[in-house]
PDB file of N, CA and C in Angstrom:
ATOM      1  N   MET A   1       0.846  -1.103  -0.007  1.00  0.00           N
ATOM      2  CA  MET A   1      -0.013   0.031  -0.065  1.00  0.00           C
ATOM      3  C   MET A   1       0.968   1.125  -0.105  1.00  0.00           C
ATOM      4  N   THR A   2       0.453   2.279  -0.768  1.00  0.00           N
ATOM      5  CA  THR A   2       1.145   3.462  -0.878  1.00  0.00           C
ATOM      6  C   THR A   2       1.103   4.265   0.359  1.00  0.00           C
ATOM      7  N   GLN A   3       2.019   4.961   0.921  1.00  0.00           N
ATOM      8  CA  GLN A   3       1.779   5.984   1.985  1.00  0.00           C
ATOM      9  C   GLN A   3       1.120   7.245   1.427  1.00  0.00           C
ATOM     10  N   LEU A   4       0.077   7.726   2.145  1.00  0.00           N
ATOM     11  CA  LEU A   4      -0.670   8.671   1.755  1.00  0.00           C
ATOM     12  C   LEU A   4       0.038  10.040   2.185  1.00  0.00           C
ATOM     13  N   ARG A   5       0.116  11.081   1.484  1.00  0.00           N
ATOM     14  CA  ARG A   5       0.663  12.315   1.687  1.00  0.00           C
ATOM     15  C   ARG A   5      -0.093  13.383   2.443  1.00  0.00           C
ATOM     16  N   THR A   6       0.450  14.187   3.145  1.00  0.00           N
ATOM     17  CA  THR A   6      -0.269  15.230   3.824  1.00  0.00           C
ATOM     18  C   THR A   6      -0.516  16.293   2.831  1.00  0.00           C
ATOM     19  N   ARG A   7      -1.191  17.521   3.071  1.00  0.00           N
ATOM     20  CA  ARG A   7      -1.447  18.640   2.311  1.00  0.00           C
ATOM     21  C   ARG A   7      -0.141  19.406   2.195  1.00  0.00           C
ATOM     22  N   THR A   8       0.507  19.630   3.131  1.00  0.00           N
ATOM     23  CA  THR A   8       1.849  20.009   3.284  1.00  0.00           C
ATOM     24  C   THR A   8       3.042  19.282   2.365  1.00  0.00           C
ATOM     25  N   GLU A   9       3.018  18.168   2.452  1.00  0.00           N
ATOM     26  CA  GLU A   9       3.771  17.242   1.529  1.00  0.00           C
ATOM     27  C   GLU A   9       3.593  17.489   0.156  1.00  0.00           C
ATOM     28  N   VAL A  10       2.249  17.601  -0.143  1.00  0.00           N
ATOM     29  CA  VAL A  10       1.895  17.726  -1.535  1.00  0.00           C
ATOM     30  C   VAL A  10       2.336  19.122  -2.110  1.00  0.00           C
ATOM     31  N   ARG A  11       2.096  20.319  -1.323  1.00  0.00           N
ATOM     32  CA  ARG A  11       2.449  21.516  -1.532  1.00  0.00           C
ATOM     33  C   ARG A  11       3.888  21.669  -1.827  1.00  0.00           C
ATOM     34  N   LYS A  12       4.721  20.909  -0.918  1.00  0.00           N
ATOM     35  CA  LYS A  12       6.189  20.898  -1.006  1.00  0.00           C
ATOM     36  C   LYS A  12       6.740  20.265  -2.356  1.00  0.00           C
ATOM     37  N   MET A  13       5.980  19.081  -2.695  1.00  0.00           N
ATOM     38  CA  MET A  13       6.325  18.521  -3.840  1.00  0.00           C
ATOM     39  C   MET A  13       5.925  19.267  -5.232  1.00  0.00           C
ATOM     40  N   LEU A  14       4.862  19.911  -5.000  1.00  0.00           N
ATOM     41  CA  LEU A  14       4.577  20.668  -6.341  1.00  0.00           C
ATOM     42  C   LEU A  14       5.560  21.841  -6.381  1.00  0.00           C
ATOM     43  N   SER A  15       5.740  22.470  -5.160  1.00  0.00           N
ATOM     44  CA  SER A  15       6.802  23.650  -5.393  1.00  0.00           C
ATOM     45  C   SER A  15       8.169  23.180  -5.868  1.00  0.00           C
ATOM     46  N   GLU A  16       8.630  21.959  -5.261  1.00  0.00           N
ATOM     47  CA  GLU A  16      10.002  21.422  -5.628  1.00  0.00           C
ATOM     48  C   GLU A  16       9.980  21.025  -7.143  1.00  0.00           C
ATOM     49  N   SER A  17       8.987  20.540  -7.676  1.00  0.00           N
ATOM     50  CA  SER A  17       8.785  20.197  -9.084  1.00  0.00           C
ATOM     51  C   SER A  17       8.539  21.281  -9.876  1.00  0.00           C
ATOM     52  N   GLY A  18       8.222  22.486  -9.457  1.00  0.00           N
ATOM     53  CA  GLY A  18       7.871  23.630 -10.361  1.00  0.00           C
ATOM     54  C   GLY A  18       6.625  23.494 -10.883  1.00  0.00           C
ATOM     55  N   LYS A  19       5.743  22.718 -10.520  1.00  0.00           N
ATOM     56  CA  LYS A  19       4.363  22.521 -11.124  1.00  0.00           C
ATOM     57  C   LYS A  19       3.491  23.424 -10.378  1.00  0.00           C
ATOM     58  N   ALA A  20       2.576  24.143 -11.097  1.00  0.00           N
ATOM     59  CA  ALA A  20       1.732  25.175 -10.598  1.00  0.00           C
ATOM     60  C   ALA A  20       0.251  24.238 -10.447  1.00  0.00           C
ATOM     61  N   VAL A  21      -0.520  24.795  -9.493  1.00  0.00           N
ATOM     62  CA  VAL A  21      -1.893  24.204  -9.177  1.00  0.00           C
ATOM     63  C   VAL A  21      -2.557  24.226 -10.559  1.00  0.00           C
ATOM     64  N   ALA A  22      -2.434  25.423 -11.390  1.00  0.00           N
ATOM     65  CA  ALA A  22      -3.132  25.601 -12.514  1.00  0.00           C
ATOM     66  C   ALA A  22      -3.075  24.076 -13.428  1.00  0.00           C
ATOM     67  N   GLU A  23      -1.559  23.797 -13.448  1.00  0.00           N
ATOM     68  CA  GLU A  23      -1.036  22.817 -14.495  1.00  0.00           C
ATOM     69  C   GLU A  23      -1.641  21.427 -13.857  1.00  0.00           C
ATOM     70  N   VAL A  24      -1.757  21.513 -12.536  1.00  0.00           N
ATOM     71  CA  VAL A  24      -2.273  20.047 -11.958  1.00  0.00           C
ATOM     72  C   VAL A  24      -3.736  19.984 -12.542  1.00  0.00           C
ATOM     73  N   ALA A  25      -4.576  21.120 -12.259  1.00  0.00           N
ATOM     74  CA  ALA A  25      -5.858  21.155 -12.730  1.00  0.00           C
ATOM     75  C   ALA A  25      -5.941  20.885 -14.124  1.00  0.00           C
ATOM     76  N   ARG A  26      -5.220  21.249 -14.980  1.00  0.00           N
ATOM     77  CA  ARG A  26      -5.235  21.069 -16.487  1.00  0.00           C
ATOM     78  C   ARG A  26      -5.022  19.656 -16.558  1.00  0.00           C
ATOM     79  N   ASP A  27      -4.119  18.933 -16.102  1.00  0.00           N
ATOM     80  CA  ASP A  27      -3.823  17.534 -16.069  1.00  0.00           C
ATOM     81  C   ASP A  27      -4.907  16.675 -15.837  1.00  0.00           C
ATOM     82  N   LEU A  28      -5.572  17.145 -14.798  1.00  0.00           N
ATOM     83  CA  LEU A  28      -6.664  16.201 -14.379  1.00  0.00           C
ATOM     84  C   LEU A  28      -8.056  16.653 -14.818  1.00  0.00           C
ATOM     85  N   GLY A  29      -8.013  17.626 -15.720  1.00  0.00           N
ATOM     86  CA  GLY A  29      -9.286  18.234 -16.402  1.00  0.00           C
ATOM     87  C   GLY A  29     -10.395  18.742 -15.299  1.00  0.00           C
ATOM     88  N   VAL A  30      -9.878  19.451 -14.230  1.00  0.00           N
ATOM     89  CA  VAL A  30     -10.815  20.009 -13.098  1.00  0.00           C
ATOM     90  C   VAL A  30     -10.516  21.466 -13.273  1.00  0.00           C
ATOM     91  N   HIS A  31     -11.428  22.203 -12.482  1.00  0.00           N
ATOM     92  CA  HIS A  31     -11.239  23.659 -12.354  1.00  0.00           C
ATOM     93  C   HIS A  31     -10.121  23.801 -11.284  1.00  0.00           C
ATOM     94  N   VAL A  32      -9.382  24.833 -11.485  1.00  0.00           N
ATOM     95  CA  VAL A  32      -8.221  25.276 -10.716  1.00  0.00           C
ATOM     96  C   VAL A  32      -8.729  25.399  -9.199  1.00  0.00           C
ATOM     97  N   ASN A  33      -9.894  26.117  -9.021  1.00  0.00           N
ATOM     98  CA  ASN A  33     -10.599  26.300  -7.657  1.00  0.00           C
ATOM     99  C   ASN A  33     -10.746  24.809  -6.850  1.00  0.00           C
ATOM    100  N   THR A  34     -11.070  23.819  -7.749  1.00  0.00           N
ATOM    101  CA  THR A  34     -11.088  22.439  -6.973  1.00  0.00           C
ATOM    102  C   THR A  34      -9.923  22.015  -6.327  1.00  0.00           C
ATOM    103  N   VAL A  35      -8.599  22.091  -7.118  1.00  0.00           N
ATOM    104  CA  VAL A  35      -7.187  21.680  -6.552  1.00  0.00           C
ATOM    105  C   VAL A  35      -7.151  22.587  -5.399  1.00  0.00           C
ATOM    106  N   HIS A  36      -7.265  23.842  -5.403  1.00  0.00           N
ATOM    107  CA  HIS A  36      -7.054  24.857  -4.282  1.00  0.00           C
ATOM    108  C   HIS A  36      -7.864  24.341  -3.126  1.00  0.00           C
ATOM    109  N   GLY A  37      -9.002  24.150  -3.525  1.00  0.00           N
ATOM    110  CA  GLY A  37      -9.816  23.617  -2.219  1.00  0.00           C
ATOM    111  C   GLY A  37      -9.540  22.223  -1.409  1.00  0.00           C
ATOM    112  N   VAL A  38      -9.043  21.359  -2.314  1.00  0.00           N
ATOM    113  CA  VAL A  38      -8.499  20.053  -1.837  1.00  0.00           C
ATOM    114  C   VAL A  38      -7.143  20.427  -0.962  1.00  0.00           C
ATOM    115  N   LEU A  39      -6.472  21.276  -1.480  1.00  0.00           N
ATOM    116  CA  LEU A  39      -5.046  21.635  -0.870  1.00  0.00           C
ATOM    117  C   LEU A  39      -5.352  22.461   0.369  1.00  0.00           C
ATOM    118  N   ALA A  40      -6.594  22.954   0.456  1.00  0.00           N
ATOM    119  CA  ALA A  40      -7.108  23.765   1.658  1.00  0.00           C
ATOM    120  C   ALA A  40      -7.655  23.074   2.673  1.00  0.00           C
ATOM    121  N   GLY A  41      -7.999  21.696   2.354  1.00  0.00           N
ATOM    122  CA  GLY A  41      -8.484  20.795   3.268  1.00  0.00           C
ATOM    123  C   GLY A  41      -9.998  20.721   3.175  1.00  0.00           C
ATOM    124  N   ARG A  42     -10.711  21.288   2.230  1.00  0.00           N
ATOM    125  CA  ARG A  42     -12.091  21.039   1.801  1.00  0.00           C
ATOM    126  C   ARG A  42     -12.446  19.590   1.713  1.00  0.00           C
ATOM    127  N   PRO A  43     -13.848  18.955   1.950  1.00  0.00           N
ATOM    128  CA  PRO A  43     -13.824  17.602   1.985  1.00  0.00           C
ATOM    129  C   PRO A  43     -13.813  17.074   0.501  1.00  0.00           C
ATOM    130  N   ALA A  44     -13.161  15.935   0.326  1.00  0.00           N
ATOM    131  CA  ALA A  44     -13.099  15.405  -1.037  1.00  0.00           C
ATOM    132  C   ALA A  44     -13.653  14.071  -1.264  1.00  0.00           C
ATOM    133  N   THR A  45     -14.946  13.948  -1.124  1.00  0.00           N
ATOM    134  CA  THR A  45     -15.714  12.795  -0.950  1.00  0.00           C
ATOM    135  C   THR A  45     -15.910  12.047  -2.229  1.00  0.00           C
ATOM    136  N   ARG A  46     -16.208  13.049  -3.362  1.00  0.00           N
ATOM    137  CA  ARG A  46     -16.713  12.548  -4.501  1.00  0.00           C
ATOM    138  C   ARG A  46     -16.403  13.387  -5.658  1.00  0.00           C
ATOM    139  N   GLY A  47     -16.714  13.058  -6.892  1.00  0.00           N
ATOM    140  CA  GLY A  47     -16.507  13.902  -8.129  1.00  0.00           C
ATOM    141  C   GLY A  47     -15.003  14.443  -8.300  1.00  0.00           C
ATOM    142  N   ASP A  48     -15.004  15.732  -8.707  1.00  0.00           N
ATOM    143  CA  ASP A  48     -13.599  16.132  -9.159  1.00  0.00           C
ATOM    144  C   ASP A  48     -12.565  16.327  -7.866  1.00  0.00           C
ATOM    145  N   ALA A  49     -13.169  16.771  -6.734  1.00  0.00           N
ATOM    146  CA  ALA A  49     -12.241  16.876  -5.590  1.00  0.00           C
ATOM    147  C   ALA A  49     -11.755  15.332  -5.118  1.00  0.00           C
ATOM    148  N   HIS A  50     -12.671  14.359  -5.148  1.00  0.00           N
ATOM    149  CA  HIS A  50     -12.113  12.760  -5.008  1.00  0.00           C
ATOM    150  C   HIS A  50     -10.958  12.704  -5.883  1.00  0.00           C
ATOM    151  N   LYS A  51     -11.131  12.852  -7.289  1.00  0.00           N
ATOM    152  CA  LYS A  51      -9.923  12.791  -8.202  1.00  0.00           C
ATOM    153  C   LYS A  51      -8.686  13.331  -7.938  1.00  0.00           C
ATOM    154  N   VAL A  52      -8.859  14.544  -7.412  1.00  0.00           N
ATOM    155  CA  VAL A  52      -7.642  15.404  -7.113  1.00  0.00           C
ATOM    156  C   VAL A  52      -6.912  14.794  -6.002  1.00  0.00           C
ATOM    157  N   ALA A  53      -7.649  14.579  -4.903  1.00  0.00           N
ATOM    158  CA  ALA A  53      -7.243  13.956  -3.753  1.00  0.00           C
ATOM    159  C   ALA A  53      -6.447  12.783  -3.886  1.00  0.00           C
ATOM    160  N   VAL A  54      -7.107  11.944  -4.819  1.00  0.00           N
ATOM    161  CA  VAL A  54      -6.451  10.459  -5.059  1.00  0.00           C
ATOM    162  C   VAL A  54      -5.268  10.868  -5.937  1.00  0.00           C
ATOM    163  N   ALA A  55      -5.342  11.490  -6.976  1.00  0.00           N
ATOM    164  CA  ALA A  55      -4.279  11.725  -7.765  1.00  0.00           C
ATOM    165  C   ALA A  55      -2.946  12.441  -7.011  1.00  0.00           C
ATOM    166  N   LEU A  56      -3.251  13.142  -6.134  1.00  0.00           N
ATOM    167  CA  LEU A  56      -2.024  13.763  -5.507  1.00  0.00           C
ATOM    168  C   LEU A  56      -1.467  13.107  -4.287  1.00  0.00           C
ATOM    169  N   GLY A  57      -2.232  11.748  -3.964  1.00  0.00           N
ATOM    170  CA  GLY A  57      -1.897  10.835  -3.124  1.00  0.00           C
ATOM    171  C   GLY A  57      -2.394  11.325  -1.608  1.00  0.00           C
ATOM    172  N   LEU A  58      -3.347  12.153  -1.339  1.00  0.00           N
ATOM    173  CA  LEU A  58      -3.954  12.641  -0.237  1.00  0.00           C
ATOM    174  C   LEU A  58      -4.844  11.498   0.270  1.00  0.00           C
ATOM    175  N   LYS A  59      -5.486  10.925  -0.609  1.00  0.00           N
ATOM    176  CA  LYS A  59      -6.530   9.890  -0.214  1.00  0.00           C
ATOM    177  C   LYS A  59      -6.319   8.715  -0.948  1.00  0.00           C
ATOM    178  N   ALA A  60      -6.618   7.668  -0.341  1.00  0.00           N
ATOM    179  CA  ALA A  60      -6.786   6.255  -0.988  1.00  0.00           C
ATOM    180  C   ALA A  60      -7.887   6.147  -1.736  1.00  0.00           C
ATOM    181  N   GLY A  61      -7.763   5.446  -2.884  1.00  0.00           N
ATOM    182  CA  GLY A  61      -8.936   5.310  -4.043  1.00  0.00           C
ATOM    183  C   GLY A  61      -8.619   4.942  -5.274  1.00  0.00           C
ATOM    184  N   THR A  62      -9.221   4.697  -6.105  1.00  0.00           N
ATOM    185  CA  THR A  62      -8.943   4.356  -7.591  1.00  0.00           C
ATOM    186  C   THR A  62      -9.355   5.377  -8.607  1.00  0.00           C
ATOM    187  N   LEU A  63      -8.594   5.685  -9.523  1.00  0.00           N
ATOM    188  CA  LEU A  63      -9.033   6.574 -10.550  1.00  0.00           C
ATOM    189  C   LEU A  63      -9.200   5.760 -11.848  1.00  0.00           C
ATOM    190  N   GLU A  64      -9.928   6.180 -12.918  1.00  0.00           N
ATOM    191  CA  GLU A  64      -9.807   5.972 -14.281  1.00  0.00           C
ATOM    192  C   GLU A  64      -9.788   7.121 -15.050  1.00  0.00           C
ATOM    193  N   PRO A  65      -9.045   7.226 -16.034  1.00  0.00           N
ATOM    194  CA  PRO A  65      -8.163   6.100 -16.543  1.00  0.00           C
ATOM    195  C   PRO A  65      -6.887   6.113 -15.718  1.00  0.00           C
ATOM    196  N   VAL A  66      -5.998   4.967 -15.853  1.00  0.00           N
ATOM    197  CA  VAL A  66      -4.825   4.582 -14.978  1.00  0.00           C
ATOM    198  C   VAL A  66      -3.880   5.810 -15.099  1.00  0.00           C
ATOM    199  N   ARG A  67      -3.803   6.664 -16.216  1.00  0.00           N
ATOM    200  CA  ARG A  67      -2.871   7.589 -16.411  1.00  0.00           C
ATOM    201  C   ARG A  67      -2.790   8.608 -15.250  1.00  0.00           C
ATOM    202  N   TYR A  68      -3.654   8.735 -14.337  1.00  0.00           N
ATOM    203  CA  TYR A  68      -3.530   9.702 -13.292  1.00  0.00           C
ATOM    204  C   TYR A  68      -2.732   9.254 -12.252  1.00  0.00           C
ATOM    205  N   LEU A  69      -2.288   7.814 -12.293  1.00  0.00           N
ATOM    206  CA  LEU A  69      -1.509   7.139 -11.126  1.00  0.00           C
ATOM    207  C   LEU A  69      -0.139   7.737 -11.278  1.00  0.00           C
ATOM    208  N   CYS A  70       0.232   8.269 -12.618  1.00  0.00           N
ATOM    209  CA  CYS A  70       1.835   8.668 -12.649  1.00  0.00           C
ATOM    210  C   CYS A  70       2.001   9.945 -11.664  1.00  0.00           C
ATOM    211  N   MET A  71       0.893  10.615 -11.223  1.00  0.00           N
ATOM    212  CA  MET A  71       1.038  11.754 -10.323  1.00  0.00           C
ATOM    213  C   MET A  71       1.419  11.376  -8.822  1.00  0.00           C
ATOM    214  N   THR A  72       0.877  10.093  -8.563  1.00  0.00           N
ATOM    215  CA  THR A  72       1.149   9.521  -7.306  1.00  0.00           C
ATOM    216  C   THR A  72       2.260   8.847  -7.008  1.00  0.00           C
ATOM    217  N   GLY A  73       3.174   8.428  -8.208  1.00  0.00           N
ATOM    218  CA  GLY A  73       4.092   7.452  -8.382  1.00  0.00           C
ATOM    219  C   GLY A  73       3.746   6.169  -8.039  1.00  0.00           C
ATOM    220  N   MET A  74       2.309   5.940  -8.189  1.00  0.00           N
ATOM    221  CA  MET A  74       1.872   4.502  -8.063  1.00  0.00           C
ATOM    222  C   MET A  74       2.105   3.735  -9.355  1.00  0.00           C
ATOM    223  N   GLN A  75       2.152   2.490  -9.408  1.00  0.00           N
ATOM    224  CA  GLN A  75       2.011   1.666 -10.614  1.00  0.00           C
ATOM    225  C   GLN A  75       0.811   0.799 -10.936  1.00  0.00           C
ATOM    226  N   PRO A  76       0.259   1.093 -12.127  1.00  0.00           N
ATOM    227  CA  PRO A  76      -1.099   0.460 -12.238  1.00  0.00           C
ATOM    228  C   PRO A  76      -0.925  -1.127 -12.098  1.00  0.00           C
ATOM    229  N   ALA A  77      -1.950  -1.749 -11.528  1.00  0.00           N
ATOM    230  CA  ALA A  77      -2.103  -3.083 -11.401  1.00  0.00           C
ATOM    231  C   ALA A  77      -1.989  -3.753 -12.729  1.00  0.00           C
ATOM    232  N   GLN A  78      -1.711  -5.123 -12.732  1.00  0.00           N
ATOM    233  CA  GLN A  78      -1.376  -5.956 -13.973  1.00  0.00           C
ATOM    234  C   GLN A  78      -2.836  -5.994 -14.503  1.00  0.00           C
ATOM    235  N   GLY A  79      -3.203  -5.771 -15.801  1.00  0.00           N
ATOM    236  CA  GLY A  79      -4.482  -5.719 -16.417  1.00  0.00           C
ATOM    237  C   GLY A  79      -5.477  -4.876 -16.227  1.00  0.00           C
ATOM    238  N   ALA A  80      -4.869  -3.718 -15.679  1.00  0.00           N
ATOM    239  CA  ALA A  80      -5.846  -2.311 -15.390  1.00  0.00           C
ATOM    240  C   ALA A  80      -6.131  -1.893 -16.627  1.00  0.00           C
ATOM    241  N   ALA A  81      -7.255  -1.478 -16.784  1.00  0.00           N
ATOM    242  CA  ALA A  81      -7.757  -0.587 -17.935  1.00  0.00           C
ATOM    243  C   ALA A  81      -6.816   0.551 -18.283  1.00  0.00           C
ATOM    244  N   GLY A  82      -6.334   0.690 -19.395  1.00  0.00           N
ATOM    245  CA  GLY A  82      -5.732   1.643 -19.932  1.00  0.00           C
ATOM    246  C   GLY A  82      -3.980   1.645 -19.853  1.00  0.00           C
ATOM    247  N   SER A  83      -3.611   0.322 -19.100  1.00  0.00           N
ATOM    248  CA  SER A  83      -2.275  -0.118 -19.048  1.00  0.00           C
ATOM    249  C   SER A  83      -1.661  -0.672 -20.214  1.00  0.00           C
TER     250      SER A  83
END
């Protein structure tokens, strides 16, 4: 199981990689305010907020398609769709 990150760790990771929140939003196909909200600690129980939280490693869960897993450093399971 992959270790979940804290919001502080995610912010640091984005800063160190030079990746803007707007770029993360574009990569995931969500509004930039959704990413800011997740990083601010707003609930991410479903929809786009859930997708952002899982992609950034803040929350356990699955995403489709598998391409979002690259943001968390996880490898797709054998036989997973899109792999």
